[in-house]
Amino acid sequence: MFEKSVSRRAVLGWTGAAAGAGLLGFPGKAGAQQTLRYGHMNSPTSNAGLQAQWFAEEVARTTGGEIAINVYPSSQLGKIRELAAGVSTGTIALSHNTAGAISALSESFAALDTPYLYRDVDHLMKVVDIDSPVMQMLNERLVADSGVRVLYAFYFGTRQLTADREIKRPSDLEGVKIRAIPSPIYLATVEGLGAVPVPVDWSEVPTALATGVVSGQENPVNVVLDNKLFDVQSHMMLTGHIQGAELVLINDSTWQSFSSDVQSAVQEAASVVRERASQSVLDGEASNLQALKDEGMTIIGPDEGLDLEAFQASVKARIDAEFAEQYGDLYQQIEAIG
């Protein structure tokens, strides 16, 4: 599906051949030579949580046990910004996060989470491929700004709006408090949808929804289902406002400490997991939406009267007012990627 990805069969064949040849020259060991911590905020059963575990398993295999990764899900090692900061300081070797959250480390990353920016998922994945000209430039800035690099990116899903009421147009959200990721571009997006954005860390979202601190939130379908938000949200609106990727970060000093063979092995593992995790999300989108319906959620799309053009126009006007001048050149570079 993604042009830059390595097929699973090819990588399995490569790792099998490598095992017969001494696993890229890595000596066989009963224990790993280096153990890294991977912290993230998602549940271990979510797509994002599963991909972290898949990556740990692939790295153990491709490095022949040279590198071991211990995964800490569900904000065990910190909240959104704390995780990003932890990778920067080196207290955590790895994490994944939205581009908007990573903008706290390097401001330009916020542009990648601009609503209604990508033509489709394939366009998104070409842009966030670490070999794309956009990602190469952003990664260089990220390393310089914070000592962190993007190792790979996977499709996280298309963000939809949920609420405790029916919403069909931006005016229906006037005065309604909607949770937003505590990042400027997400706050502006929720405001563009017509609501009052309230920054709430993900670990606190279920409680905030249940207690009425906020009346809704926005996330991909798989996140809503995995976290059983249907228990506290009656409606999902198919606004499709952000097609997003999660970016897997690694501390650059940790990365530079690897030999070239280890770096190559880790990159091979990243290629496999990038495709596997992205395809898993894509494959599950339709069935997850049906599962939400089965749980009693009312799904509102254009066929049910959702004024998608009104949401697109309102969001675009709000984003352009704040970010067009700052990110205009970058938007043109993203548009040019075919």
C-alpha atoms as a PDB file:
ATOM      1  CA  MET A   1       0.000   0.000   0.000  1.00  0.00           C
ATOM      2  CA  PHE A   2       2.784   2.439   0.883  1.00  0.00           C
ATOM      3  CA  GLU A   3       5.517   2.847  -1.697  1.00  0.00           C
ATOM      4  CA  LYS A   4       8.401   3.195   0.776  1.00  0.00           C
ATOM      5  CA  SER A   5       7.432   0.216   2.922  1.00  0.00           C
ATOM      6  CA  VAL A   6       9.174  -3.139   2.891  1.00  0.00           C
ATOM      7  CA  SER A   7       6.919  -6.138   2.372  1.00  0.00           C
ATOM      8  CA  ARG A   8       6.538  -8.391   5.378  1.00  0.00           C
ATOM      9  CA  ARG A   9       7.546 -11.424   3.326  1.00  0.00           C
ATOM     10  CA  ALA A  10      10.733  -9.700   2.197  1.00  0.00           C
ATOM     11  CA  VAL A  11      11.685  -8.690   5.708  1.00  0.00           C
ATOM     12  CA  LEU A  12      10.901 -12.120   7.103  1.00  0.00           C
ATOM     13  CA  GLY A  13      13.102 -13.609   4.433  1.00  0.00           C
ATOM     14  CA  TRP A  14      15.822 -11.092   5.179  1.00  0.00           C
ATOM     15  CA  THR A  15      15.740 -11.759   8.923  1.00  0.00           C
ATOM     16  CA  GLY A  16      15.711 -15.499   8.341  1.00  0.00           C
ATOM     17  CA  ALA A  17      18.805 -15.230   6.149  1.00  0.00           C
ATOM     18  CA  ALA A  18      20.420 -12.935   8.696  1.00  0.00           C
ATOM     19  CA  ALA A  19      19.773 -15.456  11.465  1.00  0.00           C
ATOM     20  CA  GLY A  20      21.658 -18.074   9.486  1.00  0.00           C
ATOM     21  CA  ALA A  21      24.532 -15.665   9.025  1.00  0.00           C
ATOM     22  CA  GLY A  22      24.842 -14.624  12.653  1.00  0.00           C
ATOM     23  CA  LEU A  23      22.065 -11.977  12.685  1.00  0.00           C
ATOM     24  CA  LEU A  24      23.891  -9.119  11.011  1.00  0.00           C
ATOM     25  CA  GLY A  25      27.014  -9.991  12.912  1.00  0.00           C
ATOM     26  CA  PHE A  26      25.359  -9.519  16.313  1.00  0.00           C
ATOM     27  CA  PRO A  27      26.776 -12.098  18.711  1.00  0.00           C
ATOM     28  CA  GLY A  28      24.280 -14.481  20.278  1.00  0.00           C
ATOM     29  CA  LYS A  29      23.563 -13.512  23.888  1.00  0.00           C
ATOM     30  CA  ALA A  30      21.335 -14.865  26.608  1.00  0.00           C
ATOM     31  CA  GLY A  31      20.351 -11.295  27.485  1.00  0.00           C
ATOM     32  CA  ALA A  32      20.139  -8.055  25.556  1.00  0.00           C
ATOM     33  CA  GLN A  33      23.146  -5.773  25.478  1.00  0.00           C
ATOM     34  CA  GLN A  34      20.969  -2.668  25.767  1.00  0.00           C
ATOM     35  CA  THR A  35      17.460  -2.241  27.190  1.00  0.00           C
ATOM     36  CA  LEU A  36      15.360   0.777  26.213  1.00  0.00           C
ATOM     37  CA  ARG A  37      12.130   2.164  27.649  1.00  0.00           C
ATOM     38  CA  TYR A  38       9.223   2.983  25.312  1.00  0.00           C
ATOM     39  CA  GLY A  39       6.505   5.004  27.043  1.00  0.00           C
ATOM     40  CA  HIS A  40       3.171   6.027  25.554  1.00  0.00           C
ATOM     41  CA  MET A  41      -0.301   7.170  26.614  1.00  0.00           C
ATOM     42  CA  ASN A  42      -2.479   4.609  24.784  1.00  0.00           C
ATOM     43  CA  SER A  43      -3.965   1.416  26.159  1.00  0.00           C
ATOM     44  CA  PRO A  44      -2.004  -1.766  25.404  1.00  0.00           C
ATOM     45  CA  THR A  45      -4.934  -3.160  23.378  1.00  0.00           C
ATOM     46  CA  SER A  46      -5.299  -0.099  21.112  1.00  0.00           C
ATOM     47  CA  ASN A  47      -3.786  -0.045  17.627  1.00  0.00           C
ATOM     48  CA  ALA A  48      -1.178   2.434  18.818  1.00  0.00           C
ATOM     49  CA  GLY A  49      -0.431   0.323  21.865  1.00  0.00           C
ATOM     50  CA  LEU A  50      -0.180  -2.877  19.855  1.00  0.00           C
ATOM     51  CA  GLN A  51       2.231  -1.331  17.363  1.00  0.00           C
ATOM     52  CA  ALA A  52       4.590  -0.379  20.202  1.00  0.00           C
ATOM     53  CA  GLN A  53       4.684  -4.000  21.300  1.00  0.00           C
ATOM     54  CA  TRP A  54       5.095  -5.191  17.707  1.00  0.00           C
ATOM     55  CA  PHE A  55       8.052  -2.841  17.344  1.00  0.00           C
ATOM     56  CA  ALA A  56       9.672  -4.193  20.507  1.00  0.00           C
ATOM     57  CA  GLU A  57       9.286  -7.732  19.184  1.00  0.00           C
ATOM     58  CA  GLU A  58      10.623  -6.878  15.724  1.00  0.00           C
ATOM     59  CA  VAL A  59      13.647  -5.047  17.136  1.00  0.00           C
ATOM     60  CA  ALA A  60      14.496  -7.985  19.396  1.00  0.00           C
ATOM     61  CA  ARG A  61      14.365 -10.238  16.350  1.00  0.00           C
ATOM     62  CA  THR A  62      16.193  -8.093  13.812  1.00  0.00           C
ATOM     63  CA  THR A  63      18.985  -7.231  16.249  1.00  0.00           C
ATOM     64  CA  GLY A  64      19.310 -10.781  17.510  1.00  0.00           C
ATOM     65  CA  GLY A  65      18.673  -9.637  21.075  1.00  0.00           C
ATOM     66  CA  GLU A  66      21.211  -6.823  20.890  1.00  0.00           C
ATOM     67  CA  ILE A  67      18.430  -4.342  21.725  1.00  0.00           C
ATOM     68  CA  ALA A  68      15.501  -5.022  24.062  1.00  0.00           C
ATOM     69  CA  ILE A  69      12.576  -2.618  24.371  1.00  0.00           C
ATOM     70  CA  ASN A  70      10.293  -2.551  27.396  1.00  0.00           C
ATOM     71  CA  VAL A  71       6.930  -0.909  26.636  1.00  0.00           C
ATOM     72  CA  TYR A  72       5.064   1.164  29.248  1.00  0.00           C
ATOM     73  CA  PRO A  73       1.505   1.984  28.047  1.00  0.00           C
ATOM     74  CA  SER A  74      -1.337   4.036  29.528  1.00  0.00           C
ATOM     75  CA  SER A  75       0.719   7.087  30.586  1.00  0.00           C
ATOM     76  CA  GLN A  76       2.754   5.085  33.104  1.00  0.00           C
ATOM     77  CA  LEU A  77       5.805   7.229  32.292  1.00  0.00           C
ATOM     78  CA  GLY A  78       3.989  10.544  31.933  1.00  0.00           C
ATOM     79  CA  LYS A  79       1.318  12.507  30.133  1.00  0.00           C
ATOM     80  CA  ILE A  80       1.447  13.745  26.533  1.00  0.00           C
ATOM     81  CA  ARG A  81       3.974  16.540  26.894  1.00  0.00           C
ATOM     82  CA  GLU A  82       5.926  14.736  29.625  1.00  0.00           C
ATOM     83  CA  LEU A  83       6.511  11.785  27.310  1.00  0.00           C
ATOM     84  CA  ALA A  84       7.856  14.007  24.541  1.00  0.00           C
ATOM     85  CA  ALA A  85      10.050  15.857  27.023  1.00  0.00           C
ATOM     86  CA  GLY A  86      11.261  12.545  28.437  1.00  0.00           C
ATOM     87  CA  VAL A  87      12.532  11.432  25.036  1.00  0.00           C
ATOM     88  CA  SER A  88      14.263  14.797  24.656  1.00  0.00           C
ATOM     89  CA  THR A  89      16.064  14.517  27.993  1.00  0.00           C
ATOM     90  CA  GLY A  90      16.771  10.839  27.528  1.00  0.00           C
ATOM     91  CA  THR A  91      14.851   9.568  30.553  1.00  0.00           C
ATOM     92  CA  ILE A  92      12.734   7.653  28.011  1.00  0.00           C
ATOM     93  CA  ALA A  93      14.340   6.286  24.857  1.00  0.00           C
ATOM     94  CA  LEU A  94      11.181   6.007  22.739  1.00  0.00           C
ATOM     95  CA  SER A  95       7.608   7.230  22.554  1.00  0.00           C
ATOM     96  CA  HIS A  96       4.930   7.994  19.985  1.00  0.00           C
ATOM     97  CA  ASN A  97       2.699  11.007  19.706  1.00  0.00           C
ATOM     98  CA  THR A  98       0.733  13.245  17.388  1.00  0.00           C
ATOM     99  CA  ALA A  99       2.629  15.796  15.332  1.00  0.00           C
ATOM    100  CA  GLY A 100       0.712  18.521  17.158  1.00  0.00           C
ATOM    101  CA  ALA A 101       2.008  17.342  20.520  1.00  0.00           C
ATOM    102  CA  ILE A 102       5.541  17.023  19.137  1.00  0.00           C
ATOM    103  CA  SER A 103       5.362  20.676  18.122  1.00  0.00           C
ATOM    104  CA  ALA A 104       6.211  21.414  21.761  1.00  0.00           C
ATOM    105  CA  LEU A 105       9.699  20.161  20.850  1.00  0.00           C
ATOM    106  CA  SER A 106       9.905  21.643  17.349  1.00  0.00           C
ATOM    107  CA  GLU A 107       7.196  24.088  16.332  1.00  0.00           C
ATOM    108  CA  SER A 108       6.958  23.258  12.619  1.00  0.00           C
ATOM    109  CA  PHE A 109       5.618  19.751  13.318  1.00  0.00           C
ATOM    110  CA  ALA A 110       2.225  21.264  14.098  1.00  0.00           C
ATOM    111  CA  ALA A 111       1.690  21.790  10.367  1.00  0.00           C
ATOM    112  CA  LEU A 112       1.439  18.015   9.817  1.00  0.00           C
ATOM    113  CA  ASP A 113      -1.778  17.908  11.868  1.00  0.00           C
ATOM    114  CA  THR A 114      -3.504  20.695   9.969  1.00  0.00           C
ATOM    115  CA  PRO A 115      -7.147  19.740   9.338  1.00  0.00           C
ATOM    116  CA  TYR A 116      -8.315  18.886   5.824  1.00  0.00           C
ATOM    117  CA  LEU A 117      -4.708  19.008   4.592  1.00  0.00           C
ATOM    118  CA  TYR A 118      -4.236  15.647   2.851  1.00  0.00           C
ATOM    119  CA  ARG A 119      -5.902  14.352  -0.296  1.00  0.00           C
ATOM    120  CA  ASP A 120      -6.195  10.852   1.188  1.00  0.00           C
ATOM    121  CA  VAL A 121      -4.391   8.420   3.480  1.00  0.00           C
ATOM    122  CA  ASP A 122      -1.799   7.515   0.843  1.00  0.00           C
ATOM    123  CA  HIS A 123      -0.899  11.200   0.507  1.00  0.00           C
ATOM    124  CA  LEU A 124      -0.544  11.486   4.287  1.00  0.00           C
ATOM    125  CA  MET A 125       1.716   8.443   4.487  1.00  0.00           C
ATOM    126  CA  LYS A 126       3.933   9.683   1.655  1.00  0.00           C
ATOM    127  CA  VAL A 127       4.359  12.995   3.465  1.00  0.00           C
ATOM    128  CA  VAL A 128       5.265  11.429   6.834  1.00  0.00           C
ATOM    129  CA  ASP A 129       7.617   8.847   5.328  1.00  0.00           C
ATOM    130  CA  ILE A 130      10.979   9.678   6.922  1.00  0.00           C
ATOM    131  CA  ASP A 131      12.548   9.771   3.446  1.00  0.00           C
ATOM    132  CA  SER A 132      10.139  12.402   2.102  1.00  0.00           C
ATOM    133  CA  PRO A 133      11.640  15.882   1.613  1.00  0.00           C
ATOM    134  CA  VAL A 134       9.180  17.317   4.130  1.00  0.00           C
ATOM    135  CA  MET A 135      10.042  14.805   6.855  1.00  0.00           C
ATOM    136  CA  GLN A 136      13.757  15.023   6.186  1.00  0.00           C
ATOM    137  CA  MET A 137      13.621  18.776   6.725  1.00  0.00           C
ATOM    138  CA  LEU A 138      11.401  18.519   9.810  1.00  0.00           C
ATOM    139  CA  ASN A 139      13.521  15.742  11.291  1.00  0.00           C
ATOM    140  CA  GLU A 140      16.679  17.807  10.931  1.00  0.00           C
ATOM    141  CA  ARG A 141      14.965  20.642  12.798  1.00  0.00           C
ATOM    142  CA  LEU A 142      13.705  18.279  15.487  1.00  0.00           C
ATOM    143  CA  VAL A 143      17.173  16.872  16.141  1.00  0.00           C
ATOM    144  CA  ALA A 144      18.645  20.376  16.282  1.00  0.00           C
ATOM    145  CA  ASP A 145      15.855  21.763  18.476  1.00  0.00           C
ATOM    146  CA  SER A 146      15.459  18.954  20.975  1.00  0.00           C
ATOM    147  CA  GLY A 147      17.841  16.046  20.471  1.00  0.00           C
ATOM    148  CA  VAL A 148      14.971  13.842  19.241  1.00  0.00           C
ATOM    149  CA  ARG A 149      14.370  12.214  15.858  1.00  0.00           C
ATOM    150  CA  VAL A 150      11.370  10.591  14.195  1.00  0.00           C
ATOM    151  CA  LEU A 151      12.111   6.931  13.612  1.00  0.00           C
ATOM    152  CA  TYR A 152       8.921   6.161  11.660  1.00  0.00           C
ATOM    153  CA  ALA A 153       5.266   7.131  11.393  1.00  0.00           C
ATOM    154  CA  PHE A 154       2.109   5.017  11.174  1.00  0.00           C
ATOM    155  CA  TYR A 155      -1.465   5.849  10.244  1.00  0.00           C
ATOM    156  CA  PHE A 156      -3.390   6.648  13.421  1.00  0.00           C
ATOM    157  CA  GLY A 157      -6.782   7.170  11.833  1.00  0.00           C
ATOM    158  CA  THR A 158      -9.122   9.937  10.764  1.00  0.00           C
ATOM    159  CA  ARG A 159     -10.385  12.065  13.626  1.00  0.00           C
ATOM    160  CA  GLN A 160     -14.139  12.353  14.140  1.00  0.00           C
ATOM    161  CA  LEU A 161     -16.159  14.419  16.608  1.00  0.00           C
ATOM    162  CA  THR A 162     -18.118  12.782  19.419  1.00  0.00           C
ATOM    163  CA  ALA A 163     -20.555  14.470  21.783  1.00  0.00           C
ATOM    164  CA  ASP A 164     -23.411  13.897  24.185  1.00  0.00           C
ATOM    165  CA  ARG A 165     -25.837  15.366  21.656  1.00  0.00           C
ATOM    166  CA  GLU A 166     -26.630  15.594  17.938  1.00  0.00           C
ATOM    167  CA  ILE A 167     -24.416  17.999  15.991  1.00  0.00           C
ATOM    168  CA  LYS A 168     -24.987  18.730  12.306  1.00  0.00           C
ATOM    169  CA  ARG A 169     -23.387  22.138  11.708  1.00  0.00           C
ATOM    170  CA  PRO A 170     -20.827  24.399  13.425  1.00  0.00           C
ATOM    171  CA  SER A 171     -23.555  26.583  14.928  1.00  0.00           C
ATOM    172  CA  ASP A 172     -24.777  23.543  16.910  1.00  0.00           C
ATOM    173  CA  LEU A 173     -21.501  23.661  18.850  1.00  0.00           C
ATOM    174  CA  GLU A 174     -21.786  27.279  19.972  1.00  0.00           C
ATOM    175  CA  GLY A 175     -20.842  27.420  23.653  1.00  0.00           C
ATOM    176  CA  VAL A 176     -20.261  23.636  23.827  1.00  0.00           C
ATOM    177  CA  LYS A 177     -17.026  22.572  25.542  1.00  0.00           C
ATOM    178  CA  ILE A 178     -15.078  19.996  23.555  1.00  0.00           C
ATOM    179  CA  ARG A 179     -11.843  18.391  24.725  1.00  0.00           C
ATOM    180  CA  ALA A 180      -8.814  19.269  22.629  1.00  0.00           C
ATOM    181  CA  ILE A 181      -5.239  18.003  22.654  1.00  0.00           C
ATOM    182  CA  PRO A 182      -3.268  20.692  24.524  1.00  0.00           C
ATOM    183  CA  SER A 183      -1.554  21.962  21.374  1.00  0.00           C
ATOM    184  CA  PRO A 184      -2.295  25.193  19.454  1.00  0.00           C
ATOM    185  CA  ILE A 185      -3.329  23.575  16.174  1.00  0.00           C
ATOM    186  CA  TYR A 186      -5.761  21.214  17.903  1.00  0.00           C
ATOM    187  CA  LEU A 187      -7.234  23.981  20.025  1.00  0.00           C
ATOM    188  CA  ALA A 188      -7.753  26.057  16.865  1.00  0.00           C
ATOM    189  CA  THR A 189      -9.298  23.073  15.053  1.00  0.00           C
ATOM    190  CA  VAL A 190     -11.892  22.493  17.760  1.00  0.00           C
ATOM    191  CA  GLU A 191     -12.652  26.210  17.770  1.00  0.00           C
ATOM    192  CA  GLY A 192     -13.046  26.049  13.983  1.00  0.00           C
ATOM    193  CA  LEU A 193     -15.545  23.228  14.372  1.00  0.00           C
ATOM    194  CA  GLY A 194     -17.618  25.736  16.321  1.00  0.00           C
ATOM    195  CA  ALA A 195     -16.932  24.664  19.901  1.00  0.00           C
ATOM    196  CA  VAL A 196     -15.137  25.990  22.968  1.00  0.00           C
ATOM    197  CA  PRO A 197     -11.849  24.030  23.115  1.00  0.00           C
ATOM    198  CA  VAL A 198     -10.794  22.771  26.530  1.00  0.00           C
ATOM    199  CA  PRO A 199      -7.262  21.319  26.830  1.00  0.00           C
ATOM    200  CA  VAL A 200      -7.423  18.003  28.684  1.00  0.00           C
ATOM    201  CA  ASP A 201      -4.687  15.377  28.850  1.00  0.00           C
ATOM    202  CA  TRP A 202      -5.776  12.059  27.381  1.00  0.00           C
ATOM    203  CA  SER A 203      -5.427  10.247  30.711  1.00  0.00           C
ATOM    204  CA  GLU A 204      -8.157  12.519  32.116  1.00  0.00           C
ATOM    205  CA  VAL A 205     -10.577  12.438  29.170  1.00  0.00           C
ATOM    206  CA  PRO A 206     -12.949   9.616  30.266  1.00  0.00           C
ATOM    207  CA  THR A 207     -13.473  11.301  33.641  1.00  0.00           C
ATOM    208  CA  ALA A 208     -13.904  14.727  32.047  1.00  0.00           C
ATOM    209  CA  LEU A 209     -16.594  13.322  29.745  1.00  0.00           C
ATOM    210  CA  ALA A 210     -18.356  11.384  32.492  1.00  0.00           C
ATOM    211  CA  THR A 211     -18.476  14.375  34.855  1.00  0.00           C
ATOM    212  CA  GLY A 212     -19.496  16.920  32.216  1.00  0.00           C
ATOM    213  CA  VAL A 213     -16.309  18.975  32.364  1.00  0.00           C
ATOM    214  CA  VAL A 214     -16.469  18.644  28.579  1.00  0.00           C
ATOM    215  CA  SER A 215     -19.387  17.519  26.425  1.00  0.00           C
ATOM    216  CA  GLY A 216     -17.354  15.865  23.699  1.00  0.00           C
ATOM    217  CA  GLN A 217     -13.980  15.072  22.194  1.00  0.00           C
ATOM    218  CA  GLU A 218     -12.430  14.179  18.837  1.00  0.00           C
ATOM    219  CA  ASN A 219     -10.468  11.069  17.932  1.00  0.00           C
ATOM    220  CA  PRO A 220     -10.298   8.257  15.365  1.00  0.00           C
ATOM    221  CA  VAL A 221     -12.990   5.591  15.499  1.00  0.00           C
ATOM    222  CA  ASN A 222     -10.610   2.931  16.833  1.00  0.00           C
ATOM    223  CA  VAL A 223      -9.681   5.099  19.825  1.00  0.00           C
ATOM    224  CA  VAL A 224     -13.337   5.749  20.676  1.00  0.00           C
ATOM    225  CA  LEU A 225     -14.114   2.038  20.525  1.00  0.00           C
ATOM    226  CA  ASP A 226     -11.037   0.809  22.402  1.00  0.00           C
ATOM    227  CA  ASN A 227     -11.641   3.261  25.253  1.00  0.00           C
ATOM    228  CA  LYS A 228     -15.398   2.559  25.402  1.00  0.00           C
ATOM    229  CA  LEU A 229     -16.256   6.215  25.018  1.00  0.00           C
ATOM    230  CA  PHE A 230     -19.673   5.086  23.804  1.00  0.00           C
ATOM    231  CA  ASP A 231     -20.494   4.725  27.505  1.00  0.00           C
ATOM    232  CA  VAL A 232     -20.284   8.514  27.946  1.00  0.00           C
ATOM    233  CA  GLN A 233     -20.876   9.789  24.377  1.00  0.00           C
ATOM    234  CA  SER A 234     -24.126   9.215  22.511  1.00  0.00           C
ATOM    235  CA  HIS A 235     -23.239  10.615  19.069  1.00  0.00           C
ATOM    236  CA  MET A 236     -20.362  10.496  16.588  1.00  0.00           C
ATOM    237  CA  MET A 237     -20.199  13.072  13.812  1.00  0.00           C
ATOM    238  CA  LEU A 238     -18.170  12.054  10.741  1.00  0.00           C
ATOM    239  CA  THR A 239     -16.381  15.369  10.334  1.00  0.00           C
ATOM    240  CA  GLY A 240     -13.173  13.607   9.223  1.00  0.00           C
ATOM    241  CA  HIS A 241     -11.301  16.772  10.103  1.00  0.00           C
ATOM    242  CA  ILE A 242      -7.787  15.395  10.560  1.00  0.00           C
ATOM    243  CA  GLN A 243      -6.159  12.440   8.842  1.00  0.00           C
ATOM    244  CA  GLY A 244      -3.282  11.848  11.183  1.00  0.00           C
ATOM    245  CA  ALA A 245      -0.206   9.787  11.811  1.00  0.00           C
ATOM    246  CA  GLU A 246       1.474   8.962  15.077  1.00  0.00           C
ATOM    247  CA  LEU A 247       5.193   9.653  14.965  1.00  0.00           C
ATOM    248  CA  VAL A 248       7.531   7.292  16.800  1.00  0.00           C
ATOM    249  CA  LEU A 249      10.338   9.260  18.440  1.00  0.00           C
ATOM    250  CA  ILE A 250      13.749   8.128  19.606  1.00  0.00           C
ATOM    251  CA  ASN A 251      16.294  10.051  21.642  1.00  0.00           C
ATOM    252  CA  ASP A 252      19.001  11.061  19.175  1.00  0.00           C
ATOM    253  CA  SER A 253      21.891  10.338  21.537  1.00  0.00           C
ATOM    254  CA  THR A 254      20.516   6.820  21.952  1.00  0.00           C
ATOM    255  CA  TRP A 255      20.224   6.494  18.171  1.00  0.00           C
ATOM    256  CA  GLN A 256      23.774   7.731  17.612  1.00  0.00           C
ATOM    257  CA  SER A 257      25.068   5.227  20.175  1.00  0.00           C
ATOM    258  CA  PHE A 258      23.952   2.358  17.927  1.00  0.00           C
ATOM    259  CA  SER A 259      26.396   0.831  15.479  1.00  0.00           C
ATOM    260  CA  SER A 260      25.488   1.169  11.802  1.00  0.00           C
ATOM    261  CA  ASP A 261      24.411  -2.498  11.803  1.00  0.00           C
ATOM    262  CA  VAL A 262      22.078  -1.930  14.743  1.00  0.00           C
ATOM    263  CA  GLN A 263      20.649   1.212  13.133  1.00  0.00           C
ATOM    264  CA  SER A 264      19.934  -0.739   9.939  1.00  0.00           C
ATOM    265  CA  ALA A 265      18.256  -3.527  11.890  1.00  0.00           C
ATOM    266  CA  VAL A 266      16.090  -1.068  13.834  1.00  0.00           C
ATOM    267  CA  GLN A 267      15.097   0.671  10.593  1.00  0.00           C
ATOM    268  CA  GLU A 268      14.090  -2.671   9.087  1.00  0.00           C
ATOM    269  CA  ALA A 269      11.908  -3.362  12.123  1.00  0.00           C
ATOM    270  CA  ALA A 270      10.390   0.112  11.789  1.00  0.00           C
ATOM    271  CA  SER A 271       9.487  -0.527   8.122  1.00  0.00           C
ATOM    272  CA  VAL A 272       7.648  -3.723   8.990  1.00  0.00           C
ATOM    273  CA  VAL A 273       5.722  -2.210  11.909  1.00  0.00           C
ATOM    274  CA  ARG A 274       4.898   1.002  10.028  1.00  0.00           C
ATOM    275  CA  GLU A 275       3.061  -0.961   7.363  1.00  0.00           C
ATOM    276  CA  ARG A 276       1.508  -3.501   9.709  1.00  0.00           C
ATOM    277  CA  ALA A 277       0.138  -0.871  12.106  1.00  0.00           C
ATOM    278  CA  SER A 278      -1.133   1.391   9.322  1.00  0.00           C
ATOM    279  CA  GLN A 279      -2.893  -1.452   7.552  1.00  0.00           C
ATOM    280  CA  SER A 280      -4.409  -2.619  10.827  1.00  0.00           C
ATOM    281  CA  VAL A 281      -6.048   0.774  11.343  1.00  0.00           C
ATOM    282  CA  LEU A 282      -7.275   0.942   7.746  1.00  0.00           C
ATOM    283  CA  ASP A 283      -8.686  -2.580   7.871  1.00  0.00           C
ATOM    284  CA  GLY A 284     -10.551  -1.862  11.083  1.00  0.00           C
ATOM    285  CA  GLU A 285     -12.162   1.477  10.259  1.00  0.00           C
ATOM    286  CA  ALA A 286     -15.416   0.146   8.792  1.00  0.00           C
ATOM    287  CA  SER A 287     -15.869  -2.668  11.312  1.00  0.00           C
ATOM    288  CA  ASN A 288     -15.061  -0.352  14.224  1.00  0.00           C
ATOM    289  CA  LEU A 289     -17.708   2.099  13.070  1.00  0.00           C
ATOM    290  CA  GLN A 290     -20.251  -0.709  12.930  1.00  0.00           C
ATOM    291  CA  ALA A 291     -19.180  -1.834  16.396  1.00  0.00           C
ATOM    292  CA  LEU A 292     -19.930   1.645  17.741  1.00  0.00           C
ATOM    293  CA  LYS A 293     -23.379   1.475  16.148  1.00  0.00           C
ATOM    294  CA  ASP A 294     -23.907  -1.912  17.778  1.00  0.00           C
ATOM    295  CA  GLU A 295     -23.013  -0.337  21.127  1.00  0.00           C
ATOM    296  CA  GLY A 296     -25.803   2.174  20.632  1.00  0.00           C
ATOM    297  CA  MET A 297     -23.927   5.181  19.301  1.00  0.00           C
ATOM    298  CA  THR A 298     -25.754   7.335  16.761  1.00  0.00           C
ATOM    299  CA  ILE A 299     -23.512   7.986  13.743  1.00  0.00           C
ATOM    300  CA  ILE A 300     -24.171  11.196  11.838  1.00  0.00           C
ATOM    301  CA  GLY A 301     -22.620  11.712   8.413  1.00  0.00           C
ATOM    302  CA  PRO A 302     -23.663  13.640   5.305  1.00  0.00           C
ATOM    303  CA  ASP A 303     -26.430  11.101   4.639  1.00  0.00           C
ATOM    304  CA  GLU A 304     -27.876  11.951   8.060  1.00  0.00           C
ATOM    305  CA  GLY A 305     -27.713  15.705   7.498  1.00  0.00           C
ATOM    306  CA  LEU A 306     -24.150  16.557   8.576  1.00  0.00           C
ATOM    307  CA  ASP A 307     -23.132  19.777   6.782  1.00  0.00           C
ATOM    308  CA  LEU A 308     -19.568  18.734   6.021  1.00  0.00           C
ATOM    309  CA  GLU A 309     -18.906  21.714   3.745  1.00  0.00           C
ATOM    310  CA  ALA A 310     -19.853  24.093   6.555  1.00  0.00           C
ATOM    311  CA  PHE A 311     -17.403  22.388   8.926  1.00  0.00           C
ATOM    312  CA  GLN A 312     -14.645  22.434   6.310  1.00  0.00           C
ATOM    313  CA  ALA A 313     -15.161  26.134   5.583  1.00  0.00           C
ATOM    314  CA  SER A 314     -15.323  27.099   9.256  1.00  0.00           C
ATOM    315  CA  VAL A 315     -12.230  25.120  10.205  1.00  0.00           C
ATOM    316  CA  LYS A 316     -10.248  26.369   7.207  1.00  0.00           C
ATOM    317  CA  ALA A 317     -11.069  30.000   8.023  1.00  0.00           C
ATOM    318  CA  ARG A 318      -9.954  29.549  11.635  1.00  0.00           C
ATOM    319  CA  ILE A 319      -6.731  27.723  10.716  1.00  0.00           C
ATOM    320  CA  ASP A 320      -5.831  30.177   7.950  1.00  0.00           C
ATOM    321  CA  ALA A 321      -6.265  33.101  10.323  1.00  0.00           C
ATOM    322  CA  GLU A 322      -3.628  31.756  12.696  1.00  0.00           C
ATOM    323  CA  PHE A 323      -1.340  29.457  10.726  1.00  0.00           C
ATOM    324  CA  ALA A 324      -1.436  30.239   6.977  1.00  0.00           C
ATOM    325  CA  GLU A 325       1.379  32.780   7.118  1.00  0.00           C
ATOM    326  CA  GLN A 326       3.502  30.642   9.431  1.00  0.00           C
ATOM    327  CA  TYR A 327       3.122  27.360   7.555  1.00  0.00           C
ATOM    328  CA  GLY A 328       2.162  28.465   4.048  1.00  0.00           C
ATOM    329  CA  ASP A 329       5.436  27.368   2.440  1.00  0.00           C
ATOM    330  CA  LEU A 330       5.290  24.028   4.214  1.00  0.00           C
ATOM    331  CA  TYR A 331       1.690  23.494   3.066  1.00  0.00           C
ATOM    332  CA  GLN A 332       2.823  24.028  -0.519  1.00  0.00           C
ATOM    333  CA  GLN A 333       5.595  21.447  -0.093  1.00  0.00           C
ATOM    334  CA  ILE A 334       3.099  18.958   1.324  1.00  0.00           C
ATOM    335  CA  GLU A 335       0.682  19.592  -1.553  1.00  0.00           C
ATOM    336  CA  ALA A 336       3.489  18.957  -4.062  1.00  0.00           C
ATOM    337  CA  ILE A 337       4.176  15.445  -2.764  1.00  0.00           C
ATOM    338  CA  GLY A 338       2.456  13.074  -5.186  1.00  0.00           C
END
